[in-house]
C-alpha atoms as a PDB file:
ATOM      1  CA  MET A   1      23.389  43.886   2.645  1.00  0.00           C
ATOM      2  CA  SER A   2      21.123  45.959   0.273  1.00  0.00           C
ATOM      3  CA  TYR A   3      18.062  43.594  -1.090  1.00  0.00           C
ATOM      4  CA  ARG A   4      19.462  43.689  -4.733  1.00  0.00           C
ATOM      5  CA  LYS A   5      22.988  42.726  -3.480  1.00  0.00           C
ATOM      6  CA  PHE A   6      21.140  39.818  -1.142  1.00  0.00           C
ATOM      7  CA  ILE A   7      19.391  38.508  -4.248  1.00  0.00           C
ATOM      8  CA  PHE A   8      22.305  38.267  -6.088  1.00  0.00           C
ATOM      9  CA  ALA A   9      24.260  36.463  -3.871  1.00  0.00           C
ATOM     10  CA  LEU A  10      21.243  33.944  -3.346  1.00  0.00           C
ATOM     11  CA  LEU A  11      21.543  33.846  -7.247  1.00  0.00           C
ATOM     12  CA  LEU A  12      25.159  33.384  -7.255  1.00  0.00           C
ATOM     13  CA  VAL A  13      24.761  30.575  -4.309  1.00  0.00           C
ATOM     14  CA  SER A  14      22.464  28.598  -6.776  1.00  0.00           C
ATOM     15  CA  GLN A  15      24.370  28.709  -9.694  1.00  0.00           C
ATOM     16  CA  VAL A  16      27.754  27.080  -7.819  1.00  0.00           C
ATOM     17  CA  ALA A  17      25.503  24.589  -5.960  1.00  0.00           C
ATOM     18  CA  MET A  18      23.617  23.474  -9.578  1.00  0.00           C
ATOM     19  CA  ALA A  19      25.670  24.406 -12.460  1.00  0.00           C
ATOM     20  CA  GLN A  20      27.865  27.064 -13.287  1.00  0.00           C
ATOM     21  CA  GLY A  21      26.276  27.711 -16.565  1.00  0.00           C
ATOM     22  CA  LYS A  22      23.825  30.380 -18.934  1.00  0.00           C
ATOM     23  CA  ALA A  23      20.647  28.906 -18.154  1.00  0.00           C
ATOM     24  CA  GLY A  24      18.707  29.727 -14.850  1.00  0.00           C
ATOM     25  CA  SER A  25      15.937  27.892 -12.661  1.00  0.00           C
ATOM     26  CA  LEU A  26      18.540  25.422 -12.158  1.00  0.00           C
ATOM     27  CA  PHE A  27      16.982  23.671  -8.888  1.00  0.00           C
ATOM     28  CA  LEU A  28      14.665  21.673 -11.992  1.00  0.00           C
ATOM     29  CA  ALA A  29      18.074  20.107 -12.412  1.00  0.00           C
ATOM     30  CA  ILE A  30      18.942  18.323  -8.859  1.00  0.00           C
ATOM     31  CA  ASN A  31      18.693  14.990  -9.535  1.00  0.00           C
ATOM     32  CA  PRO A  32      16.795  13.317  -6.988  1.00  0.00           C
ATOM     33  CA  GLY A  33      16.743   9.861  -5.243  1.00  0.00           C
ATOM     34  CA  ALA A  34      19.237   7.706  -3.158  1.00  0.00           C
ATOM     35  CA  ARG A  35      19.263   4.999  -5.361  1.00  0.00           C
ATOM     36  CA  ALA A  36      19.579   7.007  -8.603  1.00  0.00           C
ATOM     37  CA  ASN A  37      22.084   9.148  -7.174  1.00  0.00           C
ATOM     38  CA  ALA A  38      24.016   6.391  -5.352  1.00  0.00           C
ATOM     39  CA  MET A  39      24.234   5.364  -9.056  1.00  0.00           C
ATOM     40  CA  GLY A  40      26.017   8.308 -10.784  1.00  0.00           C
ATOM     41  CA  GLU A  41      22.331   9.712 -11.112  1.00  0.00           C
ATOM     42  CA  ALA A  42      22.485   7.485 -14.709  1.00  0.00           C
ATOM     43  CA  GLN A  43      18.781   6.035 -15.312  1.00  0.00           C
ATOM     44  CA  ILE A  44      17.119   7.325 -18.281  1.00  0.00           C
ATOM     45  CA  GLY A  45      17.763   3.669 -19.652  1.00  0.00           C
ATOM     46  CA  ILE A  46      16.722   2.193 -16.508  1.00  0.00           C
ATOM     47  CA  ALA A  47      13.828   3.995 -15.247  1.00  0.00           C
ATOM     48  CA  ASN A  48      11.769   1.114 -13.507  1.00  0.00           C
ATOM     49  CA  ASP A  49      10.212   2.740 -10.575  1.00  0.00           C
ATOM     50  CA  VAL A  50       8.626   5.554  -9.340  1.00  0.00           C
ATOM     51  CA  TYR A  51      11.335   7.800  -9.689  1.00  0.00           C
ATOM     52  CA  SER A  52      10.528   7.560 -13.958  1.00  0.00           C
ATOM     53  CA  THR A  53       8.670  10.114 -12.981  1.00  0.00           C
ATOM     54  CA  TYR A  54      11.857  12.737 -13.362  1.00  0.00           C
ATOM     55  CA  TYR A  55      14.281  10.588 -15.508  1.00  0.00           C
ATOM     56  CA  ASN A  56      12.157   9.501 -17.883  1.00  0.00           C
ATOM     57  CA  PRO A  57       8.643   9.536 -17.583  1.00  0.00           C
ATOM     58  CA  ALA A  58       8.330   6.452 -20.288  1.00  0.00           C
ATOM     59  CA  GLY A  59       9.747   4.418 -17.715  1.00  0.00           C
ATOM     60  CA  LEU A  60       6.177   4.653 -15.802  1.00  0.00           C
ATOM     61  CA  SER A  61       5.047   1.918 -18.130  1.00  0.00           C
ATOM     62  CA  ASN A  62       7.520  -0.304 -16.310  1.00  0.00           C
ATOM     63  CA  LEU A  63       5.176   0.066 -13.058  1.00  0.00           C
ATOM     64  CA  GLN A  64       3.809  -3.430 -12.025  1.00  0.00           C
ATOM     65  CA  GLY A  65       1.829  -1.576  -9.160  1.00  0.00           C
ATOM     66  CA  MET A  66       1.094   1.640  -7.301  1.00  0.00           C
ATOM     67  CA  GLU A  67       4.522   3.078  -5.556  1.00  0.00           C
ATOM     68  CA  ALA A  68       4.960   6.284  -4.023  1.00  0.00           C
ATOM     69  CA  SER A  69       8.698   7.387  -2.622  1.00  0.00           C
ATOM     70  CA  PHE A  70       9.889  10.424  -0.199  1.00  0.00           C
ATOM     71  CA  MET A  71      13.410  11.639  -0.376  1.00  0.00           C
ATOM     72  CA  HIS A  72      15.251  14.094   2.123  1.00  0.00           C
ATOM     73  CA  THR A  73      18.579  15.850   2.548  1.00  0.00           C
ATOM     74  CA  SER A  74      20.347  19.155   3.769  1.00  0.00           C
ATOM     75  CA  TYR A  75      21.573  20.031   0.782  1.00  0.00           C
ATOM     76  CA  LEU A  76      25.023  21.286   0.158  1.00  0.00           C
ATOM     77  CA  PRO A  77      25.928  20.766   4.086  1.00  0.00           C
ATOM     78  CA  ASN A  78      29.659  21.923   3.086  1.00  0.00           C
ATOM     79  CA  LEU A  79      28.542  25.475   1.772  1.00  0.00           C
ATOM     80  CA  VAL A  80      25.661  25.918   4.529  1.00  0.00           C
ATOM     81  CA  ASP A  81      23.578  24.967   6.886  1.00  0.00           C
ATOM     82  CA  ASP A  82      20.337  25.426   6.497  1.00  0.00           C
ATOM     83  CA  MET A  83      19.785  24.184   2.648  1.00  0.00           C
ATOM     84  CA  SER A  84      17.247  21.546   2.172  1.00  0.00           C
ATOM     85  CA  TYR A  85      15.666  19.385  -0.518  1.00  0.00           C
ATOM     86  CA  ASP A  86      12.972  17.145  -0.440  1.00  0.00           C
ATOM     87  CA  PHE A  87      10.949  14.955  -3.262  1.00  0.00           C
ATOM     88  CA  ILE A  88       7.933  13.543  -3.404  1.00  0.00           C
ATOM     89  CA  ALA A  89       7.140  11.284  -5.737  1.00  0.00           C
ATOM     90  CA  PHE A  90       3.644   8.434  -6.722  1.00  0.00           C
ATOM     91  CA  GLY A  91       3.097   6.309  -9.901  1.00  0.00           C
ATOM     92  CA  THR A  92       0.348   3.851 -10.899  1.00  0.00           C
ATOM     93  CA  PRO A  93      -0.695   1.663 -13.779  1.00  0.00           C
ATOM     94  CA  PHE A  94      -3.550   3.147 -15.840  1.00  0.00           C
ATOM     95  CA  ARG A  95      -6.360   1.468 -18.277  1.00  0.00           C
ATOM     96  CA  GLY A  96      -3.663  -1.606 -18.881  1.00  0.00           C
ATOM     97  CA  ASP A  97      -1.590   0.143 -21.113  1.00  0.00           C
ATOM     98  CA  ALA A  98      -0.508   3.356 -19.505  1.00  0.00           C
ATOM     99  CA  ALA A  99       0.586   4.834 -16.318  1.00  0.00           C
ATOM    100  CA  ILE A 100      -0.010   7.813 -14.579  1.00  0.00           C
ATOM    101  CA  GLY A 101       1.794   9.944 -11.737  1.00  0.00           C
ATOM    102  CA  GLY A 102       3.878  12.651 -10.232  1.00  0.00           C
ATOM    103  CA  HIS A 103       6.621  14.693  -8.104  1.00  0.00           C
ATOM    104  CA  PHE A 104       6.397  17.348  -6.291  1.00  0.00           C
ATOM    105  CA  THR A 105      10.085  19.273  -5.333  1.00  0.00           C
ATOM    106  CA  TYR A 106      10.707  21.360  -2.521  1.00  0.00           C
ATOM    107  CA  LEU A 107      14.105  23.386  -2.598  1.00  0.00           C
ATOM    108  CA  ASN A 108      14.635  25.739   1.093  1.00  0.00           C
ATOM    109  CA  LEU A 109      17.043  27.643   0.399  1.00  0.00           C
ATOM    110  CA  GLY A 110      16.118  29.157   5.063  1.00  0.00           C
ATOM    111  CA  ASP A 111      15.785  32.367   5.928  1.00  0.00           C
ATOM    112  CA  GLN A 112      17.254  35.366   5.713  1.00  0.00           C
ATOM    113  CA  ILE A 113      17.776  38.859   7.447  1.00  0.00           C
ATOM    114  CA  SER A 114      17.347  41.922   5.411  1.00  0.00           C
ATOM    115  CA  THR A 115      19.572  44.756   6.177  1.00  0.00           C
ATOM    116  CA  ASP A 116      20.384  47.865   3.757  1.00  0.00           C
ATOM    117  CA  ASP A 117      23.783  49.442   2.785  1.00  0.00           C
ATOM    118  CA  ASN A 118      24.159  50.949   6.802  1.00  0.00           C
ATOM    119  CA  GLY A 119      23.653  47.148   7.813  1.00  0.00           C
ATOM    120  CA  VAL A 120      20.807  48.033   9.895  1.00  0.00           C
ATOM    121  CA  GLU A 121      18.255  45.085   9.375  1.00  0.00           C
ATOM    122  CA  LEU A 122      14.770  45.517   8.401  1.00  0.00           C
ATOM    123  CA  GLY A 123      13.197  42.128   8.636  1.00  0.00           C
ATOM    124  CA  THR A 124      13.476  38.276   7.335  1.00  0.00           C
ATOM    125  CA  PHE A 125      11.992  36.427   4.436  1.00  0.00           C
ATOM    126  CA  SER A 126      12.375  32.756   3.430  1.00  0.00           C
ATOM    127  CA  SER A 127      13.579  31.913   0.047  1.00  0.00           C
ATOM    128  CA  TYR A 128      12.343  28.537  -1.632  1.00  0.00           C
ATOM    129  CA  MET A 129      11.883  27.005  -4.946  1.00  0.00           C
ATOM    130  CA  TYR A 130       8.791  24.017  -5.892  1.00  0.00           C
ATOM    131  CA  ALA A 131       7.669  22.459  -9.230  1.00  0.00           C
ATOM    132  CA  LEU A 132       4.371  20.334  -9.068  1.00  0.00           C
ATOM    133  CA  ASN A 133       4.877  17.756 -11.727  1.00  0.00           C
ATOM    134  CA  LEU A 134       2.529  15.574 -13.558  1.00  0.00           C
ATOM    135  CA  SER A 135       3.201  12.749 -15.575  1.00  0.00           C
ATOM    136  CA  TYR A 136       2.028  10.329 -17.958  1.00  0.00           C
ATOM    137  CA  SER A 137       3.123   7.178 -20.001  1.00  0.00           C
ATOM    138  CA  LYS A 138       1.745   4.713 -22.385  1.00  0.00           C
ATOM    139  CA  ARG A 139       3.193   1.691 -24.733  1.00  0.00           C
ATOM    140  CA  ILE A 140       3.820   2.023 -27.748  1.00  0.00           C
ATOM    141  CA  ASP A 141       3.904  -1.987 -28.028  1.00  0.00           C
ATOM    142  CA  GLU A 142       4.986  -4.660 -25.993  1.00  0.00           C
ATOM    143  CA  ASN A 143       8.672  -3.670 -25.863  1.00  0.00           C
ATOM    144  CA  SER A 144       8.417   0.068 -25.760  1.00  0.00           C
ATOM    145  CA  SER A 145       6.533   3.539 -24.423  1.00  0.00           C
ATOM    146  CA  TRP A 146       6.360   7.095 -24.835  1.00  0.00           C
ATOM    147  CA  GLY A 147       5.860   9.284 -21.864  1.00  0.00           C
ATOM    148  CA  VAL A 148       5.318  13.331 -21.148  1.00  0.00           C
ATOM    149  CA  ASN A 149       5.518  15.758 -17.898  1.00  0.00           C
ATOM    150  CA  GLY A 150       3.527  18.568 -17.281  1.00  0.00           C
ATOM    151  CA  LYS A 151       5.405  20.846 -14.387  1.00  0.00           C
ATOM    152  CA  TYR A 152       4.791  24.130 -13.029  1.00  0.00           C
ATOM    153  CA  PHE A 153       7.529  25.655 -10.980  1.00  0.00           C
ATOM    154  CA  TYR A 154       7.812  28.762  -8.409  1.00  0.00           C
ATOM    155  CA  GLN A 155      10.798  30.378  -6.991  1.00  0.00           C
ATOM    156  CA  GLU A 156      10.723  32.867  -4.288  1.00  0.00           C
ATOM    157  CA  LEU A 157      13.660  34.615  -3.439  1.00  0.00           C
ATOM    158  CA  ALA A 158      12.296  37.527  -1.423  1.00  0.00           C
ATOM    159  CA  ASP A 159       9.189  39.312  -0.927  1.00  0.00           C
ATOM    160  CA  LEU A 160       9.374  42.578   0.825  1.00  0.00           C
ATOM    161  CA  SER A 161       8.091  45.457   0.986  1.00  0.00           C
ATOM    162  CA  SER A 162      10.125  46.866  -1.275  1.00  0.00           C
ATOM    163  CA  VAL A 163      11.222  44.066  -3.550  1.00  0.00           C
ATOM    164  CA  ASP A 164       9.316  40.760  -4.771  1.00  0.00           C
ATOM    165  CA  ALA A 165      11.955  38.795  -6.702  1.00  0.00           C
ATOM    166  CA  ALA A 166       9.580  36.077  -7.477  1.00  0.00           C
ATOM    167  CA  THR A 167       8.495  34.294 -10.639  1.00  0.00           C
ATOM    168  CA  GLY A 168       6.626  31.372 -12.012  1.00  0.00           C
ATOM    169  CA  SER A 169       6.545  29.283 -15.104  1.00  0.00           C
ATOM    170  CA  PHE A 170       5.813  25.626 -16.451  1.00  0.00           C
ATOM    171  CA  ALA A 171       8.225  23.628 -18.492  1.00  0.00           C
ATOM    172  CA  VAL A 172       7.128  19.567 -20.208  1.00  0.00           C
ATOM    173  CA  ASP A 173       9.866  16.918 -20.718  1.00  0.00           C
ATOM    174  CA  LEU A 174       9.323  13.962 -23.516  1.00  0.00           C
ATOM    175  CA  GLY A 175      10.461  10.362 -23.079  1.00  0.00           C
ATOM    176  CA  TYR A 176      10.933   7.419 -24.610  1.00  0.00           C
ATOM    177  CA  PHE A 177      11.573   3.696 -23.509  1.00  0.00           C
ATOM    178  CA  LYS A 178      12.616   0.423 -24.875  1.00  0.00           C
ATOM    179  CA  ARG A 179      12.697  -2.934 -23.591  1.00  0.00           C
ATOM    180  CA  ASN A 180      14.323  -5.674 -25.101  1.00  0.00           C
ATOM    181  CA  ALA A 181      16.417  -3.596 -27.465  1.00  0.00           C
ATOM    182  CA  MET A 182      18.270  -4.646 -30.437  1.00  0.00           C
ATOM    183  CA  ASP A 183      16.858  -7.792 -29.544  1.00  0.00           C
ATOM    184  CA  ASN A 184      19.037  -8.541 -26.256  1.00  0.00           C
ATOM    185  CA  PRO A 185      16.008  -9.269 -23.522  1.00  0.00           C
ATOM    186  CA  ASN A 186      19.043  -7.951 -20.976  1.00  0.00           C
ATOM    187  CA  LEU A 187      19.410  -4.453 -22.860  1.00  0.00           C
ATOM    188  CA  THR A 188      16.956  -1.063 -22.342  1.00  0.00           C
ATOM    189  CA  MET A 189      17.766   2.206 -23.670  1.00  0.00           C
ATOM    190  CA  GLY A 190      15.652   5.840 -23.231  1.00  0.00           C
ATOM    191  CA  ALA A 191      15.748   9.089 -24.616  1.00  0.00           C
ATOM    192  CA  VAL A 192      14.237  12.366 -23.152  1.00  0.00           C
ATOM    193  CA  LEU A 193      14.175  15.801 -23.908  1.00  0.00           C
ATOM    194  CA  THR A 194      13.655  17.480 -20.237  1.00  0.00           C
ATOM    195  CA  ASN A 195      12.365  20.956 -19.657  1.00  0.00           C
ATOM    196  CA  VAL A 196      11.391  22.789 -22.887  1.00  0.00           C
ATOM    197  CA  GLY A 197       9.525  26.304 -21.855  1.00  0.00           C
ATOM    198  CA  PRO A 198       9.602  29.805 -21.963  1.00  0.00           C
ATOM    199  CA  GLY A 199      12.631  31.521 -19.956  1.00  0.00           C
ATOM    200  CA  VAL A 200      11.909  32.775 -16.562  1.00  0.00           C
ATOM    201  CA  SER A 201      13.075  36.586 -15.144  1.00  0.00           C
ATOM    202  CA  PHE A 202      12.655  38.079 -11.754  1.00  0.00           C
ATOM    203  CA  ASN A 203      10.924  41.384 -13.305  1.00  0.00           C
ATOM    204  CA  ASP A 204      14.524  42.985 -13.763  1.00  0.00           C
ATOM    205  CA  GLY A 205      14.132  42.709 -17.954  1.00  0.00           C
ATOM    206  CA  ASP A 206      17.071  40.117 -17.814  1.00  0.00           C
ATOM    207  CA  SER A 207      14.884  36.435 -19.283  1.00  0.00           C
ATOM    208  CA  ASP A 208      17.192  33.178 -18.367  1.00  0.00           C
ATOM    209  CA  PRO A 209      16.937  30.067 -20.291  1.00  0.00           C
ATOM    210  CA  LEU A 210      15.318  26.946 -18.711  1.00  0.00           C
ATOM    211  CA  PRO A 211      18.015  24.274 -18.164  1.00  0.00           C
ATOM    212  CA  THR A 212      17.377  21.897 -21.074  1.00  0.00           C
ATOM    213  CA  ARG A 213      18.539  18.731 -21.750  1.00  0.00           C
ATOM    214  CA  LEU A 214      18.869  15.634 -24.369  1.00  0.00           C
ATOM    215  CA  GLY A 215      19.543  12.922 -22.886  1.00  0.00           C
ATOM    216  CA  PHE A 216      20.304   9.138 -23.680  1.00  0.00           C
ATOM    217  CA  GLY A 217      20.697   6.378 -21.615  1.00  0.00           C
ATOM    218  CA  ILE A 218      21.024   2.444 -21.448  1.00  0.00           C
ATOM    219  CA  GLY A 219      20.806  -0.253 -19.068  1.00  0.00           C
ATOM    220  CA  LEU A 220      22.479  -3.601 -19.003  1.00  0.00           C
ATOM    221  CA  ALA A 221      21.033  -6.433 -16.564  1.00  0.00           C
ATOM    222  CA  MET A 222      24.156  -8.708 -15.881  1.00  0.00           C
ATOM    223  CA  LEU A 223      25.267 -11.537 -13.483  1.00  0.00           C
ATOM    224  CA  GLU A 224      22.514 -13.829 -13.849  1.00  0.00           C
ATOM    225  CA  GLY A 225      20.005 -11.043 -13.206  1.00  0.00           C
ATOM    226  CA  LYS A 226      21.781  -9.429  -9.697  1.00  0.00           C
ATOM    227  CA  GLY A 227      23.436  -6.736 -11.733  1.00  0.00           C
ATOM    228  CA  ASN A 228      22.860  -3.626 -13.449  1.00  0.00           C
ATOM    229  CA  LEU A 229      25.130  -1.535 -15.268  1.00  0.00           C
ATOM    230  CA  ALA A 230      23.341   1.956 -16.242  1.00  0.00           C
ATOM    231  CA  PHE A 231      25.381   4.783 -18.433  1.00  0.00           C
ATOM    232  CA  ASP A 232      23.447   8.524 -19.121  1.00  0.00           C
ATOM    233  CA  LEU A 233      24.584  11.043 -21.777  1.00  0.00           C
ATOM    234  CA  ASN A 234      22.872  14.498 -21.060  1.00  0.00           C
ATOM    235  CA  TYR A 235      23.991  17.200 -23.499  1.00  0.00           C
ATOM    236  CA  GLU A 236      23.121  20.954 -21.996  1.00  0.00           C
ATOM    237  CA  VAL A 237      21.363  22.138 -24.710  1.00  0.00           C
ATOM    238  CA  ASN A 238      22.295  26.143 -23.402  1.00  0.00           C
ATOM    239  CA  ASP A 239      25.605  25.361 -22.279  1.00  0.00           C
ATOM    240  CA  GLN A 240      26.319  23.253 -25.322  1.00  0.00           C
ATOM    241  CA  ALA A 241      28.188  20.367 -22.833  1.00  0.00           C
ATOM    242  CA  MET A 242      27.863  16.709 -22.453  1.00  0.00           C
ATOM    243  CA  VAL A 243      27.115  15.517 -18.797  1.00  0.00           C
ATOM    244  CA  THR A 244      28.166  11.763 -18.286  1.00  0.00           C
ATOM    245  CA  ASN A 245      26.471   9.429 -15.792  1.00  0.00           C
ATOM    246  CA  LEU A 246      27.786   5.644 -15.270  1.00  0.00           C
ATOM    247  CA  GLY A 247      26.793   3.567 -12.016  1.00  0.00           C
ATOM    248  CA  PHE A 248      26.070  -0.477 -11.061  1.00  0.00           C
ATOM    249  CA  GLU A 249      24.000  -1.954  -8.663  1.00  0.00           C
ATOM    250  CA  TYR A 250      24.354  -5.378  -7.453  1.00  0.00           C
ATOM    251  CA  PHE A 251      22.263  -7.597  -5.131  1.00  0.00           C
ATOM    252  CA  ILE A 252      24.383  -9.265  -2.746  1.00  0.00           C
ATOM    253  CA  VAL A 253      21.403 -10.924  -1.520  1.00  0.00           C
ATOM    254  CA  ASP A 254      17.688 -10.569  -3.232  1.00  0.00           C
ATOM    255  CA  ASN A 255      16.667  -7.503  -1.198  1.00  0.00           C
ATOM    256  CA  PHE A 256      19.788  -6.110  -0.654  1.00  0.00           C
ATOM    257  CA  ALA A 257      22.401  -3.907  -2.776  1.00  0.00           C
ATOM    258  CA  PHE A 258      25.214  -2.188  -3.058  1.00  0.00           C
ATOM    259  CA  ARG A 259      25.691   0.842  -5.636  1.00  0.00           C
ATOM    260  CA  GLY A 260      28.243   3.191  -6.979  1.00  0.00           C
ATOM    261  CA  GLY A 261      28.987   5.635  -9.253  1.00  0.00           C
ATOM    262  CA  PHE A 262      30.621   8.343 -11.433  1.00  0.00           C
ATOM    263  CA  MET A 263      29.122  11.618 -12.545  1.00  0.00           C
ATOM    264  CA  ASN A 264      31.132  14.732 -15.057  1.00  0.00           C
ATOM    265  CA  ASP A 265      29.295  17.945 -15.346  1.00  0.00           C
ATOM    266  CA  PRO A 266      32.096  20.283 -17.678  1.00  0.00           C
ATOM    267  CA  SER A 267      29.804  23.231 -17.641  1.00  0.00           C
ATOM    268  CA  GLY A 268      28.859  23.188 -14.024  1.00  0.00           C
ATOM    269  CA  GLU A 269      32.954  22.490 -13.110  1.00  0.00           C
ATOM    270  CA  LEU A 270      31.580  19.282 -11.328  1.00  0.00           C
ATOM    271  CA  SER A 271      32.843  15.701 -11.022  1.00  0.00           C
ATOM    272  CA  TYR A 272      32.137  13.108  -8.152  1.00  0.00           C
ATOM    273  CA  THR A 273      31.738   9.570  -7.223  1.00  0.00           C
ATOM    274  CA  THR A 274      28.965   8.329  -5.378  1.00  0.00           C
ATOM    275  CA  LEU A 275      28.195   5.168  -3.079  1.00  0.00           C
ATOM    276  CA  GLY A 276      24.782   3.549  -1.650  1.00  0.00           C
ATOM    277  CA  LEU A 277      23.068   1.063  -0.580  1.00  0.00           C
ATOM    278  CA  GLY A 278      19.553  -0.343  -0.809  1.00  0.00           C
ATOM    279  CA  ALA A 279      17.385  -2.655   1.507  1.00  0.00           C
ATOM    280  CA  ARG A 280      13.792  -3.702   0.542  1.00  0.00           C
ATOM    281  CA  LEU A 281      11.309  -5.861   3.027  1.00  0.00           C
ATOM    282  CA  ASP A 282       8.115  -5.390   0.904  1.00  0.00           C
ATOM    283  CA  PRO A 283       6.258  -3.552   0.182  1.00  0.00           C
ATOM    284  CA  ILE A 284       9.027  -1.521   1.762  1.00  0.00           C
ATOM    285  CA  GLY A 285      12.300  -0.097   0.829  1.00  0.00           C
ATOM    286  CA  PHE A 286      15.198   2.425   1.681  1.00  0.00           C
ATOM    287  CA  ASP A 287      17.676   3.994   0.358  1.00  0.00           C
ATOM    288  CA  VAL A 288      21.104   5.777   0.822  1.00  0.00           C
ATOM    289  CA  SER A 289      23.223   7.457  -1.241  1.00  0.00           C
ATOM    290  CA  TYR A 290      26.842   9.165  -0.271  1.00  0.00           C
ATOM    291  CA  VAL A 291      28.539  11.836  -2.376  1.00  0.00           C
ATOM    292  CA  MET A 292      32.574  11.709  -2.727  1.00  0.00           C
ATOM    293  CA  GLY A 293      33.610  14.786  -4.275  1.00  0.00           C
ATOM    294  CA  GLY A 294      36.366  17.190  -4.130  1.00  0.00           C
ATOM    295  CA  ASN A 295      37.765  19.545  -1.751  1.00  0.00           C
ATOM    296  CA  LEU A 296      36.318  23.030  -3.163  1.00  0.00           C
ATOM    297  CA  ASP A 297      32.982  20.741  -3.926  1.00  0.00           C
ATOM    298  CA  PRO A 298      29.799  21.627  -2.133  1.00  0.00           C
ATOM    299  CA  HIS A 299      28.236  18.564  -3.403  1.00  0.00           C
ATOM    300  CA  SER A 300      30.742  16.873  -1.370  1.00  0.00           C
ATOM    301  CA  ASP A 301      29.660  14.678   2.161  1.00  0.00           C
ATOM    302  CA  MET A 302      26.278  15.098   0.679  1.00  0.00           C
ATOM    303  CA  VAL A 303      23.975  12.160   1.923  1.00  0.00           C
ATOM    304  CA  ARG A 304      20.593  11.409   0.526  1.00  0.00           C
ATOM    305  CA  PHE A 305      17.439   9.356   1.953  1.00  0.00           C
ATOM    306  CA  SER A 306      14.677   7.854   0.421  1.00  0.00           C
ATOM    307  CA  PHE A 307      11.986   5.762   1.492  1.00  0.00           C
ATOM    308  CA  SER A 308       9.398   3.975  -0.884  1.00  0.00           C
ATOM    309  CA  GLY A 309       6.740   1.229  -1.121  1.00  0.00           C
ATOM    310  CA  SER A 310       4.494  -0.518  -3.467  1.00  0.00           C
ATOM    311  CA  PHE A 311       1.135  -1.029  -3.017  1.00  0.00           C
END
């Protein structure tokens, strides 16, 4: 396979894996966290843990102390056998009415063998993508806060003598979070604008826009505090499509939760159900999620594991 054909194949895999739309840099839209994934990836209106650095930076103001988390998954195991996705995050209150945090995302596309048009092997190379994100949140008043993310991301599809298919760029996210929404102490809501920045290209003259989204979410505490219901709407700006996320968690006992959810993305022709469990033995927490997709969905049977700690 020639360099150009192989690079095209990698880009095609990423399109199939994440969403079949007009935007590029789609790894930025891979939703992290086993708890979030188990709840159908509905988190904008809940945003009460360290994964707020991804879903809604304004939610960092909900942290009561320093938190850190790590997530790992073998990404798309039904499609490839050497792709993995890792996510590390931290967050902490800062100067009383603010919070700071960040996360690091790494998508490993595996090692590749390059050949020419005659099938002669020309060497091996690694393909990967990563993003480094810093977050800041500040309270507006007792019940509301705003937040911002600044991120740098880099994509390396190939680095060979005749081809350097790599690119880096930056983006920002803006978020808002409201507690006691509509004067209901059990209702929260949030809004975000994510992945705003210049388009990216691989030195081929074509530039792809970022996967910009405008999102709105609500969270409702119910069943005397034992249950949480979450619902998100995400409008994909470039594809002009609406993604819906619905999730629920129920604490069977104080430190053990069962979760379920549903995600539908018409632009990427993705639709799947999610399940998960969570356990916490302070200060350590563990979460796991499982995706139940269709026979042709590469996300099917994907398992996410998350470990978190409070300090």
